[in-house]
């Protein structure tokens, strides 16, 4: 009967993979910019929703590029 505690606010998309992609400036884990990450605790739920709505579209900016660099350097 103990329900997990949940907040009403929009939760952070952080997945604890905090590596910033040099070219795009996006976090490899959550796809937010460093500015968005640092401001997350202070912004409104509506701004959080706006940011969250753009995250999936950002994935092509970093997907595959990290591995490609590693292969080129070998």
Protein backbone atom coordinates (compact mmCIF):
# COMPACT_ATOMS: atom_id res chain seq x y z
CA UNK A 1 0.00 0.00 0.00
CA UNK A 2 3.04 2.24 0.09
CA UNK A 3 2.90 4.14 -3.17
CA UNK A 4 6.19 5.54 -4.47
CA UNK A 5 6.50 9.24 -3.80
CA UNK A 6 6.08 11.26 -6.96
CA UNK A 7 6.26 14.97 -7.67
CA UNK A 8 3.74 16.87 -9.75
CA UNK A 9 6.49 18.71 -11.61
CA UNK A 10 8.10 17.65 -14.88
CA UNK A 11 10.95 15.34 -13.95
CA UNK A 12 14.49 15.65 -15.23
CA UNK A 13 15.31 13.46 -18.25
CA UNK A 14 18.75 12.74 -16.75
CA UNK A 15 19.89 9.11 -17.11
CA UNK A 16 23.22 9.55 -15.28
CA UNK A 17 25.32 9.45 -18.46
CA UNK A 18 26.77 12.92 -18.14
CA UNK A 19 29.13 13.39 -21.07
CA UNK A 20 28.90 16.52 -23.20
CA UNK A 21 29.33 15.97 -26.94
CA UNK A 22 31.90 18.53 -28.10
CA UNK A 23 30.44 19.38 -31.49
CA UNK A 24 26.77 19.68 -30.53
CA UNK A 25 27.10 20.79 -26.90
CA UNK A 26 24.48 18.21 -25.91
CA UNK A 27 24.65 15.71 -23.07
CA UNK A 28 25.10 12.21 -24.52
CA UNK A 29 22.64 10.85 -21.94
CA UNK A 30 19.70 13.25 -21.76
CA UNK A 31 20.28 15.38 -24.89
CA UNK A 32 20.01 18.68 -23.00
CA UNK A 33 22.47 21.55 -23.33
CA UNK A 34 24.66 22.45 -20.37
CA UNK A 35 22.58 25.62 -19.93
CA UNK A 36 19.34 23.59 -19.79
CA UNK A 37 20.89 21.16 -17.31
CA UNK A 38 22.12 23.93 -15.01
CA UNK A 39 18.81 25.83 -15.10
CA UNK A 40 16.50 22.79 -14.79
CA UNK A 41 15.81 23.23 -11.06
CA UNK A 42 14.85 26.89 -11.52
CA UNK A 43 12.70 26.84 -14.67
CA UNK A 44 8.93 26.50 -14.89
CA UNK A 45 7.11 23.29 -15.73
CA UNK A 46 6.00 24.80 -19.04
CA UNK A 47 9.63 25.48 -20.02
CA UNK A 48 10.57 21.96 -18.91
CA UNK A 49 7.82 20.55 -21.14
CA UNK A 50 9.05 22.65 -24.08
CA UNK A 51 12.61 21.38 -23.63
CA UNK A 52 11.45 17.79 -23.14
CA UNK A 53 9.42 17.95 -26.34
CA UNK A 54 12.58 18.76 -28.36
CA UNK A 55 14.89 16.10 -26.93
CA UNK A 56 14.07 13.19 -29.26
CA UNK A 57 14.67 15.37 -32.32
CA UNK A 58 18.17 16.19 -31.03
CA UNK A 59 19.38 12.58 -31.00
CA UNK A 60 20.65 12.56 -34.62
CA UNK A 61 23.10 15.33 -33.69
CA UNK A 62 25.12 12.91 -31.55
CA UNK A 63 24.13 9.32 -32.35
CA UNK A 64 26.97 7.36 -33.91
CA UNK A 65 29.43 10.23 -33.90
CA UNK A 66 31.18 9.18 -30.70
CA UNK A 67 31.96 5.70 -32.00
CA UNK A 68 33.02 7.02 -35.39
CA UNK A 69 35.70 9.19 -33.80
CA UNK A 70 37.03 6.21 -31.87
CA UNK A 71 37.22 4.07 -35.00
CA UNK A 72 39.03 6.79 -36.92
CA UNK A 73 41.66 7.16 -34.23
CA UNK A 74 42.64 3.46 -34.27
